Protein backbone atom coordinates (compact mmCIF):
# COMPACT_ATOMS: atom_id res chain seq x y z
CA UNK A 1 -154.29 -15.50 -186.01
CA UNK A 2 -156.11 -17.52 -183.37
CA UNK A 3 -157.26 -21.05 -184.14
CA UNK A 4 -160.94 -21.81 -183.79
CA UNK A 5 -163.17 -24.69 -182.84
CA UNK A 6 -165.40 -26.52 -185.30
CA UNK A 7 -168.57 -28.07 -183.87
CA UNK A 8 -170.64 -30.70 -185.65
CA UNK A 9 -174.40 -31.14 -185.71
CA UNK A 10 -176.11 -30.75 -182.31
CA UNK A 11 -172.83 -30.33 -180.43
CA UNK A 12 -172.82 -26.75 -181.71
CA UNK A 13 -176.12 -25.71 -180.12
CA UNK A 14 -174.77 -25.05 -176.63
CA UNK A 15 -171.70 -22.96 -177.57
CA UNK A 16 -173.86 -21.03 -180.04
CA UNK A 17 -176.45 -20.20 -177.39
CA UNK A 18 -173.76 -19.38 -174.83
CA UNK A 19 -172.09 -16.92 -177.16
CA UNK A 20 -175.22 -15.11 -178.31
CA UNK A 21 -176.43 -14.82 -174.70
CA UNK A 22 -173.03 -13.48 -173.60
CA UNK A 23 -173.61 -10.18 -171.83
CA UNK A 24 -170.64 -8.80 -173.77
CA UNK A 25 -172.55 -9.06 -177.08
CA UNK A 26 -174.40 -5.81 -177.74
CA UNK A 27 -176.36 -6.77 -180.88
CA UNK A 28 -176.51 -9.88 -183.03
CA UNK A 29 -177.01 -10.06 -186.79
CA UNK A 30 -177.60 -12.95 -189.19
CA UNK A 31 -176.13 -12.49 -192.66
CA UNK A 32 -177.98 -14.47 -195.37
CA UNK A 33 -178.30 -14.42 -199.11
CA UNK A 34 -181.68 -14.70 -200.78
CA UNK A 35 -181.54 -18.49 -200.92
CA UNK A 36 -180.32 -19.17 -197.38
CA UNK A 37 -182.83 -16.70 -195.96
CA UNK A 38 -185.61 -18.77 -197.52
CA UNK A 39 -184.28 -22.31 -197.06
CA UNK A 40 -181.81 -22.27 -194.16
CA UNK A 41 -182.83 -19.50 -191.77
CA UNK A 42 -186.06 -21.32 -190.81
CA UNK A 43 -184.00 -24.45 -190.10
CA UNK A 44 -181.60 -22.51 -187.89
CA UNK A 45 -184.57 -20.94 -186.14
CA UNK A 46 -185.76 -24.44 -185.21
CA UNK A 47 -182.37 -25.27 -183.72
CA UNK A 48 -181.95 -22.06 -181.70
CA UNK A 49 -183.99 -19.00 -180.75
CA UNK A 50 -183.38 -16.22 -183.30
CA UNK A 51 -186.08 -13.77 -182.22
CA UNK A 52 -183.60 -11.13 -181.07
CA UNK A 53 -181.48 -11.21 -184.23
CA UNK A 54 -181.46 -8.66 -187.03
CA UNK A 55 -181.36 -10.07 -190.57
CA UNK A 56 -178.97 -8.63 -193.17
CA UNK A 57 -179.78 -9.80 -196.69
CA UNK A 58 -177.38 -9.80 -199.65
CA UNK A 59 -177.75 -11.06 -203.25
CA UNK A 60 -176.88 -14.65 -204.12
CA UNK A 61 -173.91 -15.76 -206.20
CA UNK A 62 -170.19 -15.44 -206.85
CA UNK A 63 -170.73 -12.31 -208.96
CA UNK A 64 -171.80 -10.51 -205.77
CA UNK A 65 -168.68 -11.43 -203.80
CA UNK A 66 -167.47 -7.84 -204.00
CA UNK A 67 -166.63 -4.77 -201.96
CA UNK A 68 -169.94 -3.33 -203.16
CA UNK A 69 -171.78 -6.12 -201.35
CA UNK A 70 -169.67 -5.49 -198.25
CA UNK A 71 -170.97 -1.92 -198.44
CA UNK A 72 -174.49 -3.31 -198.03
CA UNK A 73 -173.42 -5.14 -194.87
CA UNK A 74 -171.52 -2.18 -193.43
CA UNK A 75 -174.38 0.21 -194.23
CA UNK A 76 -176.89 -1.99 -192.41
CA UNK A 77 -174.62 -2.35 -189.39
CA UNK A 78 -174.04 1.40 -189.31
CA UNK A 79 -177.74 2.20 -189.74
CA UNK A 80 -178.62 0.48 -186.46
CA UNK A 81 -175.51 1.74 -184.65
CA UNK A 82 -173.81 -1.63 -184.33
CA UNK A 83 -170.74 -1.21 -182.14
CA UNK A 84 -167.54 -3.22 -181.69
CA UNK A 85 -169.35 -5.67 -179.40
CA UNK A 86 -171.73 -6.72 -182.18
CA UNK A 87 -171.84 -10.32 -183.46
CA UNK A 88 -172.29 -11.32 -187.11
CA UNK A 89 -173.55 -14.85 -187.85
CA UNK A 90 -172.75 -15.91 -191.41
CA UNK A 91 -175.35 -18.41 -192.62
CA UNK A 92 -174.56 -19.55 -196.13
CA UNK A 93 -172.11 -21.06 -198.56
CA UNK A 94 -168.48 -20.21 -199.19
CA UNK A 95 -169.20 -16.90 -200.91
CA UNK A 96 -171.18 -15.70 -197.92
CA UNK A 97 -168.80 -16.96 -195.19
CA UNK A 98 -165.80 -15.47 -197.05
CA UNK A 99 -167.54 -12.13 -197.53
CA UNK A 100 -169.20 -12.07 -194.12
CA UNK A 101 -165.95 -12.84 -192.34
CA UNK A 102 -164.18 -10.09 -194.27
CA UNK A 103 -166.95 -7.56 -193.59
CA UNK A 104 -166.94 -8.41 -189.88
CA UNK A 105 -163.15 -8.22 -189.67
CA UNK A 106 -163.10 -4.72 -191.19
CA UNK A 107 -166.14 -3.16 -189.50
CA UNK A 108 -164.86 -0.88 -186.72
CA UNK A 109 -161.55 -2.79 -187.07
CA UNK A 110 -163.20 -6.06 -186.20
CA UNK A 111 -166.32 -7.55 -184.62
CA UNK A 112 -166.94 -11.16 -183.64
CA UNK A 113 -168.41 -13.53 -186.20
CA UNK A 114 -169.58 -17.13 -186.42
CA UNK A 115 -169.71 -19.24 -189.57
CA UNK A 116 -172.62 -21.63 -190.10
CA UNK A 117 -171.94 -23.17 -193.52
CA UNK A 118 -174.91 -24.42 -195.52
CA UNK A 119 -173.13 -26.02 -198.48
CA UNK A 120 -170.79 -28.99 -198.51
CA UNK A 121 -168.07 -26.82 -200.05
CA UNK A 122 -168.29 -24.32 -197.23
CA UNK A 123 -168.45 -27.03 -194.57
CA UNK A 124 -165.21 -28.73 -195.59
CA UNK A 125 -163.29 -25.70 -196.80
CA UNK A 126 -164.40 -22.08 -196.91
CA UNK A 127 -165.85 -21.72 -193.40
CA UNK A 128 -162.74 -23.01 -191.60
CA UNK A 129 -159.13 -21.87 -191.62
CA UNK A 130 -159.60 -18.13 -191.17
CA UNK A 131 -159.37 -16.95 -194.76
CA UNK A 132 -161.82 -14.17 -195.57
CA UNK A 133 -162.18 -11.97 -198.63
CA UNK A 134 -163.87 -10.86 -201.80
CA UNK A 135 -163.15 -10.98 -205.51
CA UNK A 136 -161.73 -8.02 -207.41
CA UNK A 137 -163.06 -7.87 -210.94
CA UNK A 138 -162.63 -11.37 -212.32
CA UNK A 139 -159.80 -12.20 -209.91
CA UNK A 140 -160.75 -14.64 -207.16
CA UNK A 141 -160.25 -13.62 -203.51
CA UNK A 142 -157.84 -10.80 -204.33
CA UNK A 143 -158.92 -8.64 -201.38
CA UNK A 144 -159.01 -10.20 -197.92
CA UNK A 145 -157.51 -10.84 -194.51
CA UNK A 146 -156.75 -13.77 -192.24
CA UNK A 147 -159.33 -13.62 -189.47
CA UNK A 148 -160.77 -16.58 -187.58
CA UNK A 149 -164.41 -16.83 -186.53
CA UNK A 150 -165.29 -17.43 -182.90
CA UNK A 151 -166.15 -20.91 -184.13
CA UNK A 152 -167.67 -22.72 -187.08
CA UNK A 153 -170.83 -24.80 -186.64
CA UNK A 154 -171.22 -27.55 -189.24
CA UNK A 155 -174.68 -29.13 -189.29
CA UNK A 156 -175.48 -31.69 -191.97
CA UNK A 157 -179.19 -30.83 -191.81
CA UNK A 158 -178.52 -27.92 -194.17
CA UNK A 159 -177.34 -30.29 -196.90
CA UNK A 160 -180.94 -31.39 -197.44
CA UNK A 161 -181.60 -28.13 -199.28
CA UNK A 162 -178.73 -28.63 -201.76
CA UNK A 163 -179.05 -29.79 -205.38
CA UNK A 164 -176.76 -32.61 -206.47
CA UNK A 165 -174.39 -30.35 -208.44
CA UNK A 166 -173.67 -28.36 -205.26
CA UNK A 167 -172.91 -31.57 -203.38
CA UNK A 168 -170.49 -32.62 -206.12
CA UNK A 169 -168.89 -29.18 -206.02
CA UNK A 170 -168.10 -29.61 -202.34
CA UNK A 171 -166.71 -33.07 -202.95
CA UNK A 172 -163.85 -31.55 -204.95
CA UNK A 173 -162.31 -30.04 -201.83
CA UNK A 174 -162.68 -33.34 -199.97
CA UNK A 175 -160.93 -35.15 -202.82
CA UNK A 176 -158.20 -32.50 -202.65
CA UNK A 177 -157.72 -33.00 -198.90
CA UNK A 178 -157.12 -36.70 -199.48
CA UNK A 179 -154.75 -36.15 -202.38
CA UNK A 180 -152.52 -33.71 -200.51
CA UNK A 181 -152.50 -35.25 -197.04
CA UNK A 182 -154.22 -38.60 -196.56
CA UNK A 183 -154.49 -41.24 -199.28
CA UNK A 184 -156.99 -43.21 -197.16
CA UNK A 185 -159.36 -40.23 -197.10
CA UNK A 186 -159.08 -39.93 -200.88
CA UNK A 187 -160.00 -43.61 -201.25
CA UNK A 188 -162.95 -43.25 -198.88
CA UNK A 189 -164.35 -40.17 -200.61
CA UNK A 190 -164.31 -41.76 -204.05
CA UNK A 191 -165.55 -45.17 -202.89
CA UNK A 192 -168.04 -44.34 -200.12
CA UNK A 193 -169.30 -40.85 -200.77
CA UNK A 194 -172.73 -41.57 -199.26
CA UNK A 195 -171.26 -41.61 -195.75
CA UNK A 196 -171.10 -37.82 -195.69
CA UNK A 197 -171.25 -37.18 -191.95
CA UNK A 198 -168.05 -39.10 -191.26
CA UNK A 199 -166.31 -37.85 -194.39
CA UNK A 200 -167.05 -34.20 -193.59
CA UNK A 201 -165.55 -34.56 -190.12
CA UNK A 202 -162.44 -36.25 -191.51
CA UNK A 203 -162.03 -33.63 -194.23
CA UNK A 204 -162.33 -30.75 -191.77
CA UNK A 205 -159.79 -32.47 -189.50
CA UNK A 206 -157.27 -32.60 -192.34
CA UNK A 207 -157.68 -28.91 -193.11
CA UNK A 208 -157.48 -27.97 -189.43
CA UNK A 209 -154.29 -30.02 -189.02
CA UNK A 210 -152.63 -28.21 -191.91
CA UNK A 211 -153.80 -24.75 -190.83
CA UNK A 212 -152.66 -25.30 -187.23
CA UNK A 213 -149.10 -25.78 -188.48
CA UNK A 214 -149.15 -22.70 -190.74
CA UNK A 215 -152.06 -20.32 -189.98
CA UNK A 216 -151.08 -17.53 -192.39
CA UNK A 217 -149.87 -19.56 -195.38
CA UNK A 218 -146.13 -18.97 -195.16
CA UNK A 219 -145.33 -22.55 -196.12
CA UNK A 220 -147.18 -25.84 -195.54
CA UNK A 221 -150.67 -24.33 -195.75
CA UNK A 222 -150.02 -23.67 -199.43
CA UNK A 223 -150.67 -27.37 -200.13
CA UNK A 224 -154.38 -26.64 -199.61
CA UNK A 225 -154.22 -24.87 -202.97
CA UNK A 226 -153.69 -28.05 -204.97
CA UNK A 227 -155.81 -27.75 -208.12
CA UNK A 228 -156.42 -24.06 -207.47
CA UNK A 229 -153.71 -22.33 -209.52
CA UNK A 230 -155.30 -23.50 -212.75
CA UNK A 231 -158.73 -24.15 -211.22
CA UNK A 232 -159.14 -20.54 -210.07
CA UNK A 233 -157.92 -19.27 -213.44
CA UNK A 234 -160.51 -21.43 -215.20
CA UNK A 235 -163.23 -20.37 -212.77
CA UNK A 236 -162.34 -16.70 -213.27
CA UNK A 237 -162.28 -17.06 -217.06
CA UNK A 238 -165.76 -18.54 -217.17
CA UNK A 239 -167.21 -16.39 -214.38
CA UNK A 240 -168.89 -13.90 -216.68
CA UNK A 241 -169.93 -16.36 -219.37
CA UNK A 242 -173.04 -18.52 -219.79
CA UNK A 243 -170.73 -21.50 -219.24
CA UNK A 244 -169.73 -20.40 -215.71
CA UNK A 245 -168.60 -23.23 -213.45
CA UNK A 246 -169.21 -23.92 -209.80
CA UNK A 247 -166.06 -23.60 -207.72
CA UNK A 248 -165.71 -27.34 -207.21
CA UNK A 249 -166.22 -28.04 -210.90
CA UNK A 250 -163.38 -25.69 -211.79
CA UNK A 251 -161.16 -27.18 -209.09
CA UNK A 252 -161.89 -30.67 -210.43
CA UNK A 253 -160.47 -29.57 -213.78
CA UNK A 254 -157.56 -27.91 -211.99
CA UNK A 255 -156.75 -31.10 -210.09
CA UNK A 256 -156.58 -33.11 -213.31
CA UNK A 257 -154.31 -30.52 -214.90
CA UNK A 258 -152.06 -30.21 -211.86
CA UNK A 259 -151.95 -33.99 -211.38
CA UNK A 260 -150.63 -34.23 -214.93
CA UNK A 261 -148.10 -31.48 -214.20
CA UNK A 262 -147.07 -33.45 -211.09
CA UNK A 263 -146.46 -36.45 -213.33
CA UNK A 264 -144.46 -34.27 -215.73
CA UNK A 265 -142.45 -32.29 -213.18
CA UNK A 266 -142.32 -34.33 -209.98
CA UNK A 267 -142.42 -37.95 -211.04
CA UNK A 268 -145.97 -38.79 -209.93
CA UNK A 269 -146.40 -42.29 -211.32
CA UNK A 270 -148.62 -42.91 -214.29
CA UNK A 271 -150.65 -45.40 -212.25
CA UNK A 272 -151.39 -42.75 -209.61
CA UNK A 273 -152.13 -40.17 -212.29
CA UNK A 274 -154.78 -42.51 -213.68
CA UNK A 275 -156.02 -43.28 -210.13
CA UNK A 276 -156.63 -39.54 -209.68
CA UNK A 277 -158.05 -38.59 -213.05
CA UNK A 278 -160.44 -41.51 -213.59
CA UNK A 279 -162.55 -40.94 -210.44
CA UNK A 280 -162.68 -37.19 -211.04
CA UNK A 281 -163.67 -37.75 -214.67
CA UNK A 282 -166.48 -40.11 -213.65
CA UNK A 283 -167.68 -37.90 -210.78
CA UNK A 284 -168.00 -34.65 -212.74
CA UNK A 285 -169.49 -33.54 -216.04
CA UNK A 286 -166.25 -31.92 -217.11
CA UNK A 287 -166.29 -28.98 -219.55
CA UNK A 288 -164.63 -29.03 -222.93
CA UNK A 289 -162.17 -26.12 -222.96
CA UNK A 290 -161.63 -24.44 -226.31
CA UNK A 291 -157.91 -24.39 -227.19
CA UNK A 292 -158.45 -20.80 -228.33
CA UNK A 293 -158.97 -19.93 -224.64
CA UNK A 294 -155.81 -21.55 -223.30
CA UNK A 295 -153.67 -18.41 -223.47
CA UNK A 296 -156.27 -16.27 -221.71
CA UNK A 297 -156.47 -18.83 -218.90
CA UNK A 298 -152.67 -18.93 -218.65
CA UNK A 299 -152.65 -15.14 -218.29
CA UNK A 300 -155.05 -15.42 -215.36
CA UNK A 301 -152.65 -17.73 -213.51
CA UNK A 302 -150.33 -14.72 -213.17
CA UNK A 303 -152.80 -13.28 -210.62
CA UNK A 304 -152.57 -16.31 -208.33
CA UNK A 305 -151.74 -15.33 -204.74
CA UNK A 306 -149.08 -18.04 -204.42
CA UNK A 307 -146.91 -16.47 -207.11
CA UNK A 308 -143.59 -14.95 -206.08
CA UNK A 309 -141.30 -12.53 -207.90
CA UNK A 310 -143.30 -12.86 -211.12
CA UNK A 311 -143.03 -16.66 -211.13
CA UNK A 312 -146.23 -18.71 -211.34
CA UNK A 313 -146.22 -21.49 -208.74
CA UNK A 314 -148.43 -24.52 -208.22
CA UNK A 315 -148.89 -27.32 -205.69
CA UNK A 316 -147.79 -30.70 -206.95
CA UNK A 317 -148.05 -34.30 -205.81
CA UNK A 318 -145.09 -36.59 -205.42
CA UNK A 319 -147.59 -39.32 -204.68
CA UNK A 320 -151.19 -39.51 -203.46
CA UNK A 321 -151.15 -38.10 -199.94
CA UNK A 322 -147.84 -36.26 -200.29
CA UNK A 323 -147.85 -32.74 -201.69
CA UNK A 324 -145.16 -30.13 -202.28
CA UNK A 325 -145.62 -26.40 -202.80
CA UNK A 326 -143.96 -23.54 -204.69
CA UNK A 327 -143.35 -25.64 -207.80
CA UNK A 328 -142.52 -23.31 -210.76
CA UNK A 329 -145.05 -23.47 -213.58
CA UNK A 330 -144.30 -22.58 -217.20
CA UNK A 331 -146.71 -21.96 -220.07
CA UNK A 332 -145.29 -24.90 -222.01
CA UNK A 333 -146.22 -27.30 -219.22
CA UNK A 334 -149.72 -25.84 -218.90
CA UNK A 335 -150.33 -26.30 -222.63
CA UNK A 336 -149.18 -29.90 -222.35
CA UNK A 337 -151.54 -30.42 -219.40
CA UNK A 338 -154.44 -28.99 -221.41
CA UNK A 339 -153.61 -31.41 -224.20
CA UNK A 340 -153.71 -34.30 -221.71
CA UNK A 341 -157.04 -33.05 -220.31
CA UNK A 342 -158.56 -32.79 -223.76
CA UNK A 343 -157.43 -36.33 -224.54
CA UNK A 344 -159.10 -37.92 -221.52
CA UNK A 345 -162.49 -36.22 -221.75
CA UNK A 346 -163.13 -36.48 -225.51
């Protein structure tokens, strides 16, 4: 899988215009959901000329991150005879860039695509690294491929349209990047979160550094899943309920649980455990998880993509900034982690 460039703010205008004016591009399409079509497409249209683009519109939300929604994209591309020289521009959050990248990678065995993330979560995580895919039932990102965009264009102007809970959701991945790779970045995120432009660039740099060493997640790249083994299970469990969580909210819970498991299994110090859990607890309105749901959540961890030979694995921390992967995870430890979580939020 090729690596790709990430451009920030106005530095992305020129490469964007150069690509869309490339004589090798036959037709260009902008993929939006209902929200980004209303709030973000006009902003993009002020940055670059979109008059010759065709809009493809899909429904908004995680529940539409499905093959059925890909069918909408493929049907629209087919309807106007889009060929293998077509370009798909994904303008949206992580759901849309994941789905759009997957749809582009499969259409006629692959067309070019660009990611323009419009949420903080997508800017620092989903739009970079080359992971694409859709959910399968209640299982997160079960169907997908590694396929890099031509480039990702991160522009902070799109953050102006975001509510505060979406900003906090994106912060979870930035916190994660610091915890697994750079303790200084963790400290800066939790102490100076208002300096978003600099923090976004630093967070993307961390992810790019990890991905460059292991593009297809054979080893080191797995550390980017810290908080996700249990976080994804929790997100999946609540996906179809009135209490559904944003991705970052679920990952925040997962990071607390997996930090405790790191303390239990890997010797993460109690002081660092507290240094992790206290900021997360103060930053998020954490859900109270009913103990009656613990076993169902544990069952969902068995679908995690990092598992091998029937063994559930998680990413742990030996210390802040130093992560290890493929740590075996047993139900007994998860129950103990849930007990710890319950104790700190009640």
